[in-house]
């Protein structure tokens, strides 16, 4: 149960950060959010199916070069 909860939380964090980053106006905060997102994706991205992400999040992840780090789905 703990593992599935952690997995869900990681998915949610990736989705929400990826959706928020394009709208962040402060460059310093934006850089911090990108690094936070990058850290999560590098840590657990291979275990997360990219098909679960919505359009905005997937576009943001592709722009940041993190899309290929996620598991499953089409490349």
C-alpha atoms as a PDB file:
ATOM      1  CA  UNK A   1       0.000   0.000   0.000  1.00  0.00           C
ATOM      2  CA  UNK A   2       2.778   2.442   0.834  1.00  0.00           C
ATOM      3  CA  UNK A   3       4.513   1.854  -2.475  1.00  0.00           C
ATOM      4  CA  UNK A   4       1.365   2.457  -4.534  1.00  0.00           C
ATOM      5  CA  UNK A   5       0.621   5.640  -2.569  1.00  0.00           C
ATOM      6  CA  UNK A   6       4.158   6.913  -3.139  1.00  0.00           C
ATOM      7  CA  UNK A   7       3.873   6.082  -6.835  1.00  0.00           C
ATOM      8  CA  UNK A   8       0.591   8.013  -7.073  1.00  0.00           C
ATOM      9  CA  UNK A   9       2.102  10.997  -5.267  1.00  0.00           C
ATOM     10  CA  UNK A  10       5.065  11.028  -7.647  1.00  0.00           C
ATOM     11  CA  UNK A  11       2.711  10.937 -10.641  1.00  0.00           C
ATOM     12  CA  UNK A  12       0.696  13.823  -9.223  1.00  0.00           C
ATOM     13  CA  UNK A  13       3.823  15.875  -8.474  1.00  0.00           C
ATOM     14  CA  UNK A  14       5.121  15.421 -12.024  1.00  0.00           C
ATOM     15  CA  UNK A  15       1.755  16.310 -13.556  1.00  0.00           C
ATOM     16  CA  UNK A  16       1.221  19.428 -11.462  1.00  0.00           C
ATOM     17  CA  UNK A  17       4.760  20.750 -11.759  1.00  0.00           C
ATOM     18  CA  UNK A  18       4.787  20.179 -15.512  1.00  0.00           C
ATOM     19  CA  UNK A  19       1.475  22.012 -15.861  1.00  0.00           C
ATOM     20  CA  UNK A  20       2.540  24.934 -13.676  1.00  0.00           C
ATOM     21  CA  UNK A  21       6.045  25.641 -15.002  1.00  0.00           C
ATOM     22  CA  UNK A  22       4.976  27.330 -18.291  1.00  0.00           C
ATOM     23  CA  UNK A  23       2.906  29.851 -16.323  1.00  0.00           C
ATOM     24  CA  UNK A  24       5.542  30.754 -13.735  1.00  0.00           C
ATOM     25  CA  UNK A  25       6.766  34.315 -14.315  1.00  0.00           C
ATOM     26  CA  UNK A  26       9.602  34.556 -11.794  1.00  0.00           C
ATOM     27  CA  UNK A  27      12.764  33.158 -13.451  1.00  0.00           C
ATOM     28  CA  UNK A  28      14.315  32.014 -10.175  1.00  0.00           C
ATOM     29  CA  UNK A  29      11.180  30.180  -9.070  1.00  0.00           C
ATOM     30  CA  UNK A  30      10.768  28.688 -12.544  1.00  0.00           C
ATOM     31  CA  UNK A  31      14.340  27.356 -12.442  1.00  0.00           C
ATOM     32  CA  UNK A  32      13.730  25.818  -9.014  1.00  0.00           C
ATOM     33  CA  UNK A  33      10.522  24.150 -10.191  1.00  0.00           C
ATOM     34  CA  UNK A  34      12.277  22.739 -13.256  1.00  0.00           C
ATOM     35  CA  UNK A  35      15.027  21.275 -11.087  1.00  0.00           C
ATOM     36  CA  UNK A  36      12.444  19.828  -8.716  1.00  0.00           C
ATOM     37  CA  UNK A  37      10.584  18.232 -11.635  1.00  0.00           C
ATOM     38  CA  UNK A  38      13.828  16.943 -13.138  1.00  0.00           C
ATOM     39  CA  UNK A  39      14.786  15.326  -9.834  1.00  0.00           C
ATOM     40  CA  UNK A  40      11.473  13.498  -9.529  1.00  0.00           C
ATOM     41  CA  UNK A  41      11.545  12.309 -13.133  1.00  0.00           C
ATOM     42  CA  UNK A  42      15.144  11.092 -12.854  1.00  0.00           C
ATOM     43  CA  UNK A  43      14.338   9.269  -9.610  1.00  0.00           C
ATOM     44  CA  UNK A  44      11.107   7.501 -10.591  1.00  0.00           C
ATOM     45  CA  UNK A  45      10.313   8.360 -14.211  1.00  0.00           C
ATOM     46  CA  UNK A  46      11.074   4.917 -15.600  1.00  0.00           C
ATOM     47  CA  UNK A  47       8.361   3.447 -13.383  1.00  0.00           C
ATOM     48  CA  UNK A  48       5.676   5.910 -14.485  1.00  0.00           C
ATOM     49  CA  UNK A  49       3.655   5.381 -17.656  1.00  0.00           C
ATOM     50  CA  UNK A  50       3.706   8.516 -19.802  1.00  0.00           C
ATOM     51  CA  UNK A  51       0.181   7.771 -21.066  1.00  0.00           C
ATOM     52  CA  UNK A  52      -1.305   9.004 -17.766  1.00  0.00           C
ATOM     53  CA  UNK A  53      -0.273  12.624 -18.386  1.00  0.00           C
ATOM     54  CA  UNK A  54      -2.553  15.179 -19.958  1.00  0.00           C
ATOM     55  CA  UNK A  55      -1.712  17.307 -22.976  1.00  0.00           C
ATOM     56  CA  UNK A  56      -0.268  20.308 -21.116  1.00  0.00           C
ATOM     57  CA  UNK A  57       1.946  18.207 -18.872  1.00  0.00           C
ATOM     58  CA  UNK A  58       3.206  16.064 -21.745  1.00  0.00           C
ATOM     59  CA  UNK A  59       4.038  19.143 -23.814  1.00  0.00           C
ATOM     60  CA  UNK A  60       5.944  20.681 -20.921  1.00  0.00           C
ATOM     61  CA  UNK A  61       7.834  17.444 -20.245  1.00  0.00           C
ATOM     62  CA  UNK A  62       8.762  17.227 -23.929  1.00  0.00           C
ATOM     63  CA  UNK A  63       9.972  20.849 -23.991  1.00  0.00           C
ATOM     64  CA  UNK A  64      12.136  20.186 -20.954  1.00  0.00           C
ATOM     65  CA  UNK A  65      13.610  17.027 -22.497  1.00  0.00           C
ATOM     66  CA  UNK A  66      12.187  14.764 -19.788  1.00  0.00           C
ATOM     67  CA  UNK A  67       9.573  12.897 -21.806  1.00  0.00           C
ATOM     68  CA  UNK A  68      11.973  10.136 -22.871  1.00  0.00           C
ATOM     69  CA  UNK A  69      12.793   9.445 -19.208  1.00  0.00           C
ATOM     70  CA  UNK A  70       9.247   8.239 -18.544  1.00  0.00           C
ATOM     71  CA  UNK A  71       8.334   4.604 -19.059  1.00  0.00           C
ATOM     72  CA  UNK A  72       5.676   3.075 -21.279  1.00  0.00           C
ATOM     73  CA  UNK A  73       3.649   4.681 -24.029  1.00  0.00           C
ATOM     74  CA  UNK A  74       5.012   5.766 -27.383  1.00  0.00           C
ATOM     75  CA  UNK A  75       8.349   7.545 -27.695  1.00  0.00           C
END
